[in-house]
Each structure stands twice: as C-alpha cells, then as structure tokens.
Amino acid sequence: MRWHILILALALASCSAGKEAEEKYHMVEKAKGGKRELCTAAGEVAAAYLADRNQVEYERWKLYRDTNCMAARYE
C-alpha cells in the first residue's frame, strides 16, 4: 500500500508550473503563432520557472523571451 503513495508523490513532484507553461509555449509554436505570441508565451514560461525556483530554466526562458520579443519588433 505504501508504494502507491510513493508513486503518487513522485508523479506530483515531476509536474511543475514551468513544465506546464513550456507545453503551452510549444503549442503556440506548433500552431504557427507569431513572434508576439511566442514572446508572451516565453515570458510566461520564464515566470513559471521563477516561481518554481529553477534558476537555470528561468534564465534560459528569459533568453527565449528576449529573442522572440526582439524579433516581434520587426514583424
């Protein structure tokens, strides 16, 4: 019975706001969203990783956000 609780705990631990936001970003990307949409979505991913306290992913997604936002200026 205890291993059910352990499996559930591991499943919940693997979910994070950052991963969910990242999935949404990829949905926008696959839907051929414009650079402005990608800029916004990347910013949401960065914010989610910041909330998760994941500095490496936060900095990575800030760079994606900056790149997409810069490209959006020329759309």
N, C-alpha and C. Protein backbone atom coordinates (compact mmCIF):
# COMPACT_ATOMS: atom_id res chain seq x y z
N MET A 1 0.81 -1.20 0.00
CA MET A 1 0.00 0.00 0.00
C MET A 1 0.86 1.27 0.00
N ARG A 2 1.98 1.21 0.71
CA ARG A 2 2.83 2.39 0.79
C ARG A 2 3.44 2.78 -0.55
N TRP A 3 3.68 1.81 -1.41
CA TRP A 3 4.29 2.13 -2.69
C TRP A 3 3.33 2.91 -3.57
N HIS A 4 2.02 2.80 -3.37
CA HIS A 4 1.05 3.62 -4.11
C HIS A 4 1.23 5.09 -3.77
N ILE A 5 1.44 5.34 -2.50
CA ILE A 5 1.65 6.72 -2.05
C ILE A 5 2.95 7.27 -2.62
N LEU A 6 3.99 6.45 -2.64
CA LEU A 6 5.28 6.87 -3.18
C LEU A 6 5.17 7.19 -4.67
N ILE A 7 4.48 6.35 -5.42
CA ILE A 7 4.30 6.59 -6.86
C ILE A 7 3.52 7.88 -7.09
N LEU A 8 2.47 8.10 -6.33
CA LEU A 8 1.69 9.32 -6.45
C LEU A 8 2.54 10.54 -6.13
N ALA A 9 3.33 10.47 -5.08
CA ALA A 9 4.19 11.59 -4.70
C ALA A 9 5.21 11.89 -5.79
N LEU A 10 5.79 10.86 -6.37
CA LEU A 10 6.76 11.06 -7.45
C LEU A 10 6.10 11.67 -8.69
N ALA A 11 4.90 11.24 -9.00
CA ALA A 11 4.18 11.78 -10.16
C ALA A 11 3.87 13.25 -9.94
N LEU A 12 3.44 13.61 -8.76
CA LEU A 12 3.13 15.01 -8.47
C LEU A 12 4.39 15.86 -8.45
N ALA A 13 5.48 15.32 -7.98
CA ALA A 13 6.73 16.07 -7.92
C ALA A 13 7.29 16.37 -9.31
N SER A 14 7.00 15.51 -10.27
CA SER A 14 7.53 15.72 -11.61
C SER A 14 6.76 16.82 -12.36
N CYS A 15 5.58 17.17 -11.90
CA CYS A 15 4.79 18.24 -12.52
C CYS A 15 5.25 19.56 -11.93
N SER A 16 5.37 20.54 -12.78
CA SER A 16 5.72 21.87 -12.28
C SER A 16 5.03 22.89 -13.16
N ALA A 17 4.89 24.08 -12.61
CA ALA A 17 4.27 25.16 -13.37
C ALA A 17 5.12 25.47 -14.61
N GLY A 18 6.43 25.37 -14.46
CA GLY A 18 7.32 25.63 -15.59
C GLY A 18 7.11 24.67 -16.73
N LYS A 19 7.00 23.38 -16.41
CA LYS A 19 6.78 22.37 -17.46
C LYS A 19 5.44 22.59 -18.15
N GLU A 20 4.41 22.92 -17.39
CA GLU A 20 3.10 23.17 -17.98
C GLU A 20 3.14 24.38 -18.91
N ALA A 21 3.80 25.45 -18.46
CA ALA A 21 3.92 26.64 -19.29
C ALA A 21 4.74 26.36 -20.54
N GLU A 22 5.76 25.52 -20.39
CA GLU A 22 6.59 25.14 -21.54
C GLU A 22 5.76 24.38 -22.58
N GLU A 23 4.88 23.50 -22.12
CA GLU A 23 3.99 22.78 -23.04
C GLU A 23 3.09 23.75 -23.79
N LYS A 24 2.59 24.77 -23.10
CA LYS A 24 1.75 25.78 -23.75
C LYS A 24 2.55 26.55 -24.80
N TYR A 25 3.80 26.88 -24.48
CA TYR A 25 4.67 27.58 -25.44
C TYR A 25 4.80 26.75 -26.71
N HIS A 26 5.04 25.45 -26.55
CA HIS A 26 5.21 24.58 -27.71
C HIS A 26 3.91 24.44 -28.50
N MET A 27 2.78 24.54 -27.82
CA MET A 27 1.50 24.52 -28.53
C MET A 27 1.37 25.76 -29.41
N VAL A 28 1.76 26.92 -28.89
CA VAL A 28 1.72 28.17 -29.66
C VAL A 28 2.68 28.05 -30.84
N GLU A 29 3.85 27.49 -30.58
CA GLU A 29 4.86 27.32 -31.62
C GLU A 29 4.34 26.42 -32.75
N LYS A 30 3.72 25.28 -32.38
CA LYS A 30 3.20 24.35 -33.37
C LYS A 30 2.02 24.93 -34.14
N ALA A 31 1.29 25.84 -33.50
CA ALA A 31 0.14 26.48 -34.15
C ALA A 31 0.59 27.65 -35.03
N LYS A 32 1.89 27.76 -35.22
CA LYS A 32 2.48 28.83 -36.04
C LYS A 32 2.13 30.21 -35.49
N GLY A 33 2.21 30.33 -34.16
CA GLY A 33 1.96 31.62 -33.53
C GLY A 33 3.01 32.63 -33.95
N GLY A 34 2.63 33.88 -33.97
CA GLY A 34 3.56 34.93 -34.34
C GLY A 34 4.59 35.18 -33.25
N LYS A 35 5.57 36.00 -33.58
CA LYS A 35 6.64 36.29 -32.62
C LYS A 35 6.11 36.97 -31.37
N ARG A 36 5.06 37.78 -31.51
CA ARG A 36 4.49 38.43 -30.33
C ARG A 36 3.86 37.41 -29.39
N GLU A 37 3.16 36.45 -29.97
CA GLU A 37 2.58 35.38 -29.15
C GLU A 37 3.67 34.56 -28.48
N LEU A 38 4.74 34.26 -29.24
CA LEU A 38 5.84 33.49 -28.68
C LEU A 38 6.57 34.29 -27.60
N CYS A 39 6.67 35.59 -27.79
CA CYS A 39 7.28 36.46 -26.79
C CYS A 39 6.50 36.37 -25.49
N THR A 40 5.19 36.49 -25.58
CA THR A 40 4.33 36.42 -24.39
C THR A 40 4.42 35.06 -23.73
N ALA A 41 4.32 34.00 -24.55
CA ALA A 41 4.36 32.64 -24.01
C ALA A 41 5.70 32.34 -23.34
N ALA A 42 6.79 32.78 -23.94
CA ALA A 42 8.12 32.55 -23.35
C ALA A 42 8.26 33.31 -22.03
N GLY A 43 7.68 34.49 -21.96
CA GLY A 43 7.68 35.25 -20.71
C GLY A 43 6.92 34.53 -19.61
N GLU A 44 5.81 33.89 -20.00
CA GLU A 44 5.03 33.12 -19.03
C GLU A 44 5.81 31.90 -18.54
N VAL A 45 6.56 31.27 -19.45
CA VAL A 45 7.38 30.12 -19.05
C VAL A 45 8.47 30.58 -18.08
N ALA A 46 9.13 31.69 -18.41
CA ALA A 46 10.18 32.21 -17.52
C ALA A 46 9.61 32.52 -16.14
N ALA A 47 8.44 33.15 -16.10
CA ALA A 47 7.82 33.48 -14.81
C ALA A 47 7.46 32.21 -14.03
N ALA A 48 7.01 31.18 -14.73
CA ALA A 48 6.66 29.93 -14.06
C ALA A 48 7.90 29.25 -13.47
N TYR A 49 9.00 29.27 -14.23
CA TYR A 49 10.23 28.68 -13.69
C TYR A 49 10.78 29.51 -12.53
N LEU A 50 10.57 30.81 -12.56
CA LEU A 50 10.97 31.65 -11.44
C LEU A 50 10.17 31.25 -10.20
N ALA A 51 8.87 31.03 -10.38
CA ALA A 51 8.02 30.60 -9.26
C ALA A 51 8.45 29.22 -8.74
N ASP A 52 8.93 28.37 -9.66
CA ASP A 52 9.43 27.05 -9.28
C ASP A 52 10.82 27.11 -8.64
N ARG A 53 11.43 28.29 -8.69
CA ARG A 53 12.79 28.50 -8.18
C ARG A 53 13.83 27.67 -8.94
N ASN A 54 13.63 27.60 -10.25
CA ASN A 54 14.55 26.87 -11.12
C ASN A 54 15.32 27.92 -11.93
N GLN A 55 16.47 28.32 -11.41
CA GLN A 55 17.22 29.42 -11.99
C GLN A 55 17.74 29.13 -13.39
N VAL A 56 18.20 27.92 -13.62
CA VAL A 56 18.76 27.57 -14.93
C VAL A 56 17.69 27.71 -16.01
N GLU A 57 16.53 27.12 -15.79
CA GLU A 57 15.45 27.20 -16.78
C GLU A 57 14.90 28.62 -16.87
N TYR A 58 14.85 29.32 -15.76
CA TYR A 58 14.39 30.71 -15.77
C TYR A 58 15.27 31.55 -16.69
N GLU A 59 16.57 31.44 -16.53
CA GLU A 59 17.48 32.22 -17.37
C GLU A 59 17.40 31.80 -18.83
N ARG A 60 17.24 30.51 -19.08
CA ARG A 60 17.11 30.01 -20.45
C ARG A 60 15.87 30.60 -21.13
N TRP A 61 14.74 30.59 -20.41
CA TRP A 61 13.49 31.08 -21.00
C TRP A 61 13.44 32.60 -21.07
N LYS A 62 14.19 33.28 -20.21
CA LYS A 62 14.31 34.74 -20.36
C LYS A 62 15.00 35.06 -21.68
N LEU A 63 15.99 34.26 -22.04
CA LEU A 63 16.69 34.46 -23.31
C LEU A 63 15.74 34.21 -24.48
N TYR A 64 14.94 33.12 -24.40
CA TYR A 64 13.94 32.86 -25.45
C TYR A 64 12.97 34.04 -25.55
N ARG A 65 12.53 34.53 -24.38
CA ARG A 65 11.60 35.67 -24.38
C ARG A 65 12.23 36.88 -25.06
N ASP A 66 13.45 37.20 -24.68
CA ASP A 66 14.13 38.37 -25.25
C ASP A 66 14.30 38.22 -26.75
N THR A 67 14.67 37.02 -27.20
CA THR A 67 14.86 36.77 -28.63
C THR A 67 13.55 36.93 -29.39
N ASN A 68 12.48 36.32 -28.88
CA ASN A 68 11.19 36.42 -29.55
C ASN A 68 10.64 37.84 -29.52
N CYS A 69 10.83 38.54 -28.41
CA CYS A 69 10.35 39.92 -28.32
C CYS A 69 11.10 40.84 -29.27
N MET A 70 12.40 40.61 -29.40
CA MET A 70 13.19 41.40 -30.33
C MET A 70 12.73 41.16 -31.77
N ALA A 71 12.48 39.89 -32.11
CA ALA A 71 12.00 39.55 -33.46
C ALA A 71 10.61 40.12 -33.70
N ALA A 72 9.80 40.20 -32.65
CA ALA A 72 8.43 40.72 -32.80
C ALA A 72 8.44 42.19 -33.20
N ARG A 73 9.49 42.90 -32.85
CA ARG A 73 9.59 44.31 -33.24
C ARG A 73 9.62 44.48 -34.75
N TYR A 74 10.11 43.46 -35.45
CA TYR A 74 10.28 43.58 -36.90
C TYR A 74 9.18 42.87 -37.68
N GLU A 75 8.18 42.37 -36.99
CA GLU A 75 7.06 41.69 -37.67
C GLU A 75 6.11 42.71 -38.25
